[in-house]
N, C-alpha and C. Protein backbone atom coordinates (compact mmCIF):
# COMPACT_ATOMS: atom_id res chain seq x y z
N TRP A 1 -86.56 -29.51 -54.83
CA TRP A 1 -86.08 -29.82 -56.17
C TRP A 1 -87.24 -30.18 -57.07
N ASN A 2 -87.12 -29.83 -58.36
CA ASN A 2 -88.17 -30.18 -59.31
C ASN A 2 -88.05 -31.66 -59.70
N HIS A 3 -88.94 -32.11 -60.58
CA HIS A 3 -88.99 -33.53 -60.93
C HIS A 3 -87.73 -34.01 -61.65
N THR A 4 -86.96 -33.12 -62.25
CA THR A 4 -85.72 -33.52 -62.93
C THR A 4 -84.50 -33.41 -62.03
N GLN A 5 -84.71 -32.92 -60.81
CA GLN A 5 -83.63 -32.71 -59.84
C GLN A 5 -82.62 -31.67 -60.32
N GLN A 6 -83.05 -30.75 -61.18
CA GLN A 6 -82.14 -29.74 -61.72
C GLN A 6 -82.40 -28.33 -61.21
N VAL A 7 -83.62 -28.07 -60.74
CA VAL A 7 -83.97 -26.73 -60.29
C VAL A 7 -84.50 -26.78 -58.87
N LEU A 8 -84.00 -25.88 -58.04
CA LEU A 8 -84.42 -25.76 -56.65
C LEU A 8 -85.27 -24.51 -56.51
N ALA A 9 -86.37 -24.62 -55.80
CA ALA A 9 -87.22 -23.46 -55.50
C ALA A 9 -87.10 -23.13 -54.03
N CYS A 10 -86.88 -21.86 -53.72
CA CYS A 10 -86.73 -21.40 -52.34
C CYS A 10 -87.67 -20.23 -52.10
N GLY A 11 -88.33 -20.23 -50.97
CA GLY A 11 -89.15 -19.10 -50.57
C GLY A 11 -88.34 -18.15 -49.71
N THR A 12 -88.68 -16.86 -49.75
CA THR A 12 -87.93 -15.87 -48.99
C THR A 12 -88.82 -15.18 -47.96
N GLU A 13 -88.19 -14.48 -47.05
CA GLU A 13 -88.89 -13.69 -46.04
C GLU A 13 -89.73 -12.58 -46.68
N GLU A 14 -89.32 -12.12 -47.86
CA GLU A 14 -90.00 -11.03 -48.54
C GLU A 14 -91.13 -11.52 -49.45
N GLY A 15 -91.42 -12.82 -49.41
CA GLY A 15 -92.50 -13.36 -50.23
C GLY A 15 -92.12 -13.65 -51.66
N ALA A 16 -90.84 -13.72 -51.95
CA ALA A 16 -90.39 -14.03 -53.31
C ALA A 16 -90.07 -15.52 -53.43
N ILE A 17 -90.06 -16.00 -54.65
CA ILE A 17 -89.66 -17.37 -54.97
C ILE A 17 -88.41 -17.27 -55.82
N THR A 18 -87.34 -17.91 -55.38
CA THR A 18 -86.10 -17.94 -56.16
C THR A 18 -85.95 -19.33 -56.75
N LEU A 19 -85.79 -19.39 -58.06
CA LEU A 19 -85.52 -20.65 -58.76
C LEU A 19 -84.05 -20.65 -59.13
N MET A 20 -83.34 -21.71 -58.72
CA MET A 20 -81.90 -21.75 -58.97
C MET A 20 -81.43 -23.14 -59.35
N LEU A 21 -80.28 -23.16 -60.00
CA LEU A 21 -79.61 -24.41 -60.35
C LEU A 21 -78.78 -24.91 -59.18
N GLU A 22 -78.37 -26.16 -59.23
CA GLU A 22 -77.54 -26.74 -58.19
C GLU A 22 -76.24 -25.96 -58.01
N SER A 23 -75.76 -25.35 -59.06
CA SER A 23 -74.53 -24.56 -58.99
C SER A 23 -74.71 -23.28 -58.19
N GLY A 24 -75.96 -22.92 -57.92
CA GLY A 24 -76.25 -21.69 -57.20
C GLY A 24 -76.67 -20.55 -58.11
N LYS A 25 -76.60 -20.76 -59.42
CA LYS A 25 -77.00 -19.73 -60.38
C LYS A 25 -78.50 -19.52 -60.30
N THR A 26 -78.92 -18.27 -60.16
CA THR A 26 -80.34 -17.92 -60.10
C THR A 26 -80.92 -17.89 -61.51
N LEU A 27 -82.02 -18.63 -61.69
CA LEU A 27 -82.70 -18.64 -62.98
C LEU A 27 -83.79 -17.58 -63.05
N GLU A 28 -84.50 -17.42 -61.94
CA GLU A 28 -85.66 -16.53 -61.93
C GLU A 28 -85.99 -16.16 -60.49
N VAL A 29 -86.51 -14.95 -60.30
CA VAL A 29 -87.05 -14.54 -59.01
C VAL A 29 -88.46 -14.04 -59.27
N LEU A 30 -89.44 -14.69 -58.67
CA LEU A 30 -90.84 -14.30 -58.80
C LEU A 30 -91.29 -13.65 -57.50
N LYS A 31 -92.02 -12.55 -57.62
CA LYS A 31 -92.47 -11.84 -56.43
C LYS A 31 -93.98 -11.66 -56.47
N GLU A 32 -94.58 -11.74 -55.31
CA GLU A 32 -96.02 -11.52 -55.19
C GLU A 32 -96.40 -10.16 -55.76
N ALA A 33 -95.59 -9.15 -55.52
CA ALA A 33 -95.89 -7.81 -56.01
C ALA A 33 -95.94 -7.78 -57.54
N ASP A 34 -95.24 -8.72 -58.18
CA ASP A 34 -95.23 -8.76 -59.64
C ASP A 34 -96.58 -9.12 -60.22
N VAL A 35 -97.47 -9.66 -59.40
CA VAL A 35 -98.79 -10.05 -59.91
C VAL A 35 -99.89 -9.17 -59.34
N GLY A 36 -99.56 -7.97 -58.93
CA GLY A 36 -100.56 -7.00 -58.51
C GLY A 36 -101.12 -7.21 -57.12
N ALA A 37 -100.34 -7.72 -56.21
CA ALA A 37 -100.82 -7.93 -54.85
C ALA A 37 -101.18 -6.59 -54.21
N ARG A 38 -102.25 -6.59 -53.42
CA ARG A 38 -102.70 -5.36 -52.78
C ARG A 38 -102.29 -5.27 -51.32
N VAL A 39 -101.66 -6.29 -50.82
CA VAL A 39 -101.21 -6.30 -49.43
C VAL A 39 -99.71 -6.56 -49.42
N PRO A 40 -99.03 -6.19 -48.35
CA PRO A 40 -97.59 -6.48 -48.30
C PRO A 40 -97.34 -7.98 -48.41
N PRO A 41 -96.28 -8.38 -49.09
CA PRO A 41 -95.98 -9.81 -49.22
C PRO A 41 -95.63 -10.43 -47.87
N MET A 42 -95.98 -11.70 -47.72
CA MET A 42 -95.65 -12.44 -46.51
C MET A 42 -94.57 -13.46 -46.83
N PRO A 43 -93.79 -13.85 -45.82
CA PRO A 43 -92.74 -14.86 -46.06
C PRO A 43 -93.33 -16.15 -46.61
N ILE A 44 -92.59 -16.80 -47.48
CA ILE A 44 -93.00 -18.11 -48.00
C ILE A 44 -92.30 -19.15 -47.15
N THR A 45 -93.10 -20.00 -46.50
CA THR A 45 -92.54 -20.97 -45.56
C THR A 45 -92.65 -22.42 -46.04
N SER A 46 -93.47 -22.66 -47.07
CA SER A 46 -93.63 -24.02 -47.58
C SER A 46 -93.94 -23.93 -49.07
N LEU A 47 -93.41 -24.87 -49.84
CA LEU A 47 -93.73 -24.93 -51.26
C LEU A 47 -93.64 -26.36 -51.76
N ALA A 48 -94.32 -26.60 -52.89
CA ALA A 48 -94.34 -27.94 -53.49
C ALA A 48 -94.42 -27.81 -55.00
N TRP A 49 -93.66 -28.67 -55.69
CA TRP A 49 -93.68 -28.72 -57.15
C TRP A 49 -94.84 -29.59 -57.61
N GLY A 50 -95.40 -29.27 -58.79
CA GLY A 50 -96.43 -30.10 -59.39
C GLY A 50 -96.44 -29.92 -60.90
N GLY A 51 -97.23 -30.75 -61.57
CA GLY A 51 -97.38 -30.62 -63.02
C GLY A 51 -96.08 -30.74 -63.78
N ARG A 52 -95.25 -31.72 -63.38
CA ARG A 52 -93.94 -31.92 -64.02
C ARG A 52 -93.14 -30.63 -64.02
N SER A 53 -93.18 -29.94 -62.90
CA SER A 53 -92.41 -28.72 -62.62
C SER A 53 -92.97 -27.46 -63.28
N ARG A 54 -94.17 -27.52 -63.84
CA ARG A 54 -94.76 -26.30 -64.38
C ARG A 54 -95.37 -25.45 -63.27
N TYR A 55 -95.87 -26.11 -62.23
CA TYR A 55 -96.57 -25.39 -61.16
C TYR A 55 -95.83 -25.47 -59.85
N LEU A 56 -96.03 -24.42 -59.05
CA LEU A 56 -95.47 -24.37 -57.71
C LEU A 56 -96.58 -23.91 -56.78
N LEU A 57 -96.78 -24.65 -55.70
CA LEU A 57 -97.76 -24.31 -54.69
C LEU A 57 -97.00 -23.74 -53.51
N THR A 58 -97.40 -22.56 -53.05
CA THR A 58 -96.68 -21.90 -51.96
C THR A 58 -97.63 -21.47 -50.86
N THR A 59 -97.06 -21.28 -49.68
CA THR A 59 -97.81 -20.69 -48.59
C THR A 59 -96.84 -20.04 -47.62
N GLY A 60 -97.40 -19.25 -46.75
CA GLY A 60 -96.60 -18.56 -45.73
C GLY A 60 -97.47 -18.33 -44.51
N GLN A 61 -97.60 -17.08 -44.12
CA GLN A 61 -98.41 -16.77 -42.95
C GLN A 61 -99.84 -16.43 -43.32
N ALA A 62 -100.19 -16.62 -44.56
CA ALA A 62 -101.55 -16.34 -45.02
C ALA A 62 -102.46 -17.53 -44.72
N HIS A 63 -103.75 -17.33 -44.94
CA HIS A 63 -104.73 -18.39 -44.73
C HIS A 63 -105.05 -19.12 -46.03
N SER A 64 -104.29 -18.87 -47.09
CA SER A 64 -104.57 -19.51 -48.36
C SER A 64 -103.28 -19.83 -49.12
N PRO A 65 -103.17 -21.06 -49.62
CA PRO A 65 -102.05 -21.40 -50.49
C PRO A 65 -102.22 -20.70 -51.84
N HIS A 66 -101.11 -20.49 -52.53
CA HIS A 66 -101.13 -19.86 -53.84
C HIS A 66 -100.52 -20.80 -54.87
N LEU A 67 -101.12 -20.83 -56.05
CA LEU A 67 -100.63 -21.65 -57.16
C LEU A 67 -99.96 -20.74 -58.17
N TRP A 68 -98.72 -21.05 -58.49
CA TRP A 68 -97.94 -20.30 -59.46
C TRP A 68 -97.77 -21.13 -60.72
N ASP A 69 -97.94 -20.50 -61.88
CA ASP A 69 -97.65 -21.11 -63.18
C ASP A 69 -96.27 -20.61 -63.58
N LEU A 70 -95.28 -21.49 -63.52
CA LEU A 70 -93.91 -21.08 -63.78
C LEU A 70 -93.64 -20.82 -65.25
N LYS A 71 -94.44 -21.41 -66.12
CA LYS A 71 -94.28 -21.12 -67.55
C LYS A 71 -94.74 -19.70 -67.84
N ARG A 72 -95.85 -19.30 -67.23
CA ARG A 72 -96.37 -17.93 -67.42
C ARG A 72 -95.70 -16.93 -66.47
N LYS A 73 -94.98 -17.44 -65.47
CA LYS A 73 -94.28 -16.62 -64.47
C LYS A 73 -95.24 -15.72 -63.69
N GLU A 74 -96.36 -16.34 -63.26
CA GLU A 74 -97.33 -15.57 -62.48
C GLU A 74 -98.14 -16.45 -61.55
N ARG A 75 -98.67 -15.82 -60.51
CA ARG A 75 -99.58 -16.50 -59.61
C ARG A 75 -100.93 -16.58 -60.30
N VAL A 76 -101.52 -17.77 -60.33
CA VAL A 76 -102.76 -17.95 -61.08
C VAL A 76 -103.96 -18.25 -60.20
N MET A 77 -103.73 -18.60 -58.93
CA MET A 77 -104.86 -18.95 -58.08
C MET A 77 -104.47 -18.88 -56.61
N ALA A 78 -105.45 -18.52 -55.80
CA ALA A 78 -105.31 -18.62 -54.35
C ALA A 78 -106.44 -19.51 -53.85
N PHE A 79 -106.12 -20.49 -53.02
CA PHE A 79 -107.10 -21.41 -52.48
C PHE A 79 -107.56 -20.89 -51.12
N GLY A 80 -108.83 -20.92 -50.87
CA GLY A 80 -109.36 -20.47 -49.59
C GLY A 80 -109.77 -21.64 -48.71
N GLY A 81 -110.43 -21.31 -47.61
CA GLY A 81 -110.99 -22.34 -46.75
C GLY A 81 -110.36 -22.48 -45.39
N HIS A 82 -109.14 -22.05 -45.23
CA HIS A 82 -108.47 -22.17 -43.93
C HIS A 82 -108.83 -20.99 -43.04
N GLU A 83 -108.92 -21.27 -41.74
CA GLU A 83 -109.18 -20.22 -40.76
C GLU A 83 -107.94 -19.93 -39.92
N ALA A 84 -106.82 -20.49 -40.30
CA ALA A 84 -105.56 -20.28 -39.58
C ALA A 84 -104.42 -20.28 -40.60
N HIS A 85 -103.23 -19.90 -40.16
CA HIS A 85 -102.07 -19.86 -41.04
C HIS A 85 -101.80 -21.23 -41.64
N VAL A 86 -101.63 -21.27 -42.95
CA VAL A 86 -101.30 -22.51 -43.65
C VAL A 86 -99.81 -22.76 -43.49
N THR A 87 -99.47 -23.97 -43.06
CA THR A 87 -98.07 -24.29 -42.78
C THR A 87 -97.49 -25.35 -43.71
N ALA A 88 -98.32 -26.04 -44.48
CA ALA A 88 -97.83 -27.10 -45.36
C ALA A 88 -98.69 -27.19 -46.60
N VAL A 89 -98.05 -27.48 -47.74
CA VAL A 89 -98.76 -27.68 -49.00
C VAL A 89 -98.16 -28.88 -49.73
N ALA A 90 -98.99 -29.55 -50.54
CA ALA A 90 -98.50 -30.70 -51.31
C ALA A 90 -99.40 -30.93 -52.51
N PHE A 91 -98.81 -31.45 -53.57
CA PHE A 91 -99.56 -31.93 -54.72
C PHE A 91 -99.74 -33.43 -54.59
N ALA A 92 -100.85 -33.95 -55.09
CA ALA A 92 -101.01 -35.40 -55.25
C ALA A 92 -100.01 -35.84 -56.32
N PRO A 93 -99.61 -37.12 -56.33
CA PRO A 93 -98.65 -37.59 -57.33
C PRO A 93 -99.07 -37.31 -58.78
N ASP A 94 -100.38 -37.26 -59.06
CA ASP A 94 -100.84 -36.97 -60.41
C ASP A 94 -100.95 -35.47 -60.69
N SER A 95 -100.66 -34.64 -59.71
CA SER A 95 -100.72 -33.18 -59.79
C SER A 95 -102.12 -32.64 -60.07
N GLU A 96 -103.13 -33.47 -59.95
CA GLU A 96 -104.51 -33.04 -60.19
C GLU A 96 -105.18 -32.48 -58.94
N ARG A 97 -104.62 -32.78 -57.78
CA ARG A 97 -105.20 -32.31 -56.52
C ARG A 97 -104.11 -31.73 -55.64
N VAL A 98 -104.54 -30.84 -54.75
CA VAL A 98 -103.58 -30.28 -53.79
C VAL A 98 -104.12 -30.47 -52.38
N ALA A 99 -103.22 -30.48 -51.44
CA ALA A 99 -103.58 -30.55 -50.03
C ALA A 99 -102.86 -29.42 -49.31
N SER A 100 -103.50 -28.90 -48.28
CA SER A 100 -102.87 -27.87 -47.46
C SER A 100 -103.26 -28.10 -46.02
N GLY A 101 -102.34 -27.80 -45.13
CA GLY A 101 -102.59 -27.97 -43.71
C GLY A 101 -102.25 -26.71 -42.95
N ASN A 102 -103.02 -26.46 -41.88
CA ASN A 102 -102.74 -25.25 -41.10
C ASN A 102 -102.18 -25.62 -39.72
N HIS A 103 -101.82 -24.61 -38.96
CA HIS A 103 -101.15 -24.88 -37.68
C HIS A 103 -102.10 -25.39 -36.60
N HIS A 104 -103.40 -25.51 -36.92
CA HIS A 104 -104.35 -26.14 -36.01
C HIS A 104 -104.53 -27.63 -36.32
N GLY A 105 -103.83 -28.11 -37.35
CA GLY A 105 -103.91 -29.52 -37.73
C GLY A 105 -104.98 -29.82 -38.76
N GLU A 106 -105.67 -28.83 -39.24
CA GLU A 106 -106.71 -29.01 -40.26
C GLU A 106 -106.06 -29.21 -41.62
N VAL A 107 -106.52 -30.20 -42.36
CA VAL A 107 -106.03 -30.47 -43.71
C VAL A 107 -107.19 -30.33 -44.68
N LEU A 108 -106.97 -29.56 -45.75
CA LEU A 108 -107.99 -29.39 -46.79
C LEU A 108 -107.46 -29.94 -48.10
N LEU A 109 -108.34 -30.61 -48.84
CA LEU A 109 -107.98 -31.15 -50.16
C LEU A 109 -108.65 -30.33 -51.25
């Protein structure tokens, strides 16, 4: 849920992000392919809201978390540094920093 508890973000097996209301109404579907991805999309297994719900941090079976700008409706950054699949992502409470962890227990800030 976002910071207002009004919008839910869900990751899909096809690498899409679905934004929906509590009623189940879909507001938006964002896809990796929509931003010119050169590889097949991977499932999204973890996500986190940040920036008062403007940003979404996602990850799946890739070695890098992705930052989405929901106002612009596009992926704006991929973070590197992991040597294994990233399994968890989080924003700091001030949304100025991000953390990601992989399945080997490594955490990067």
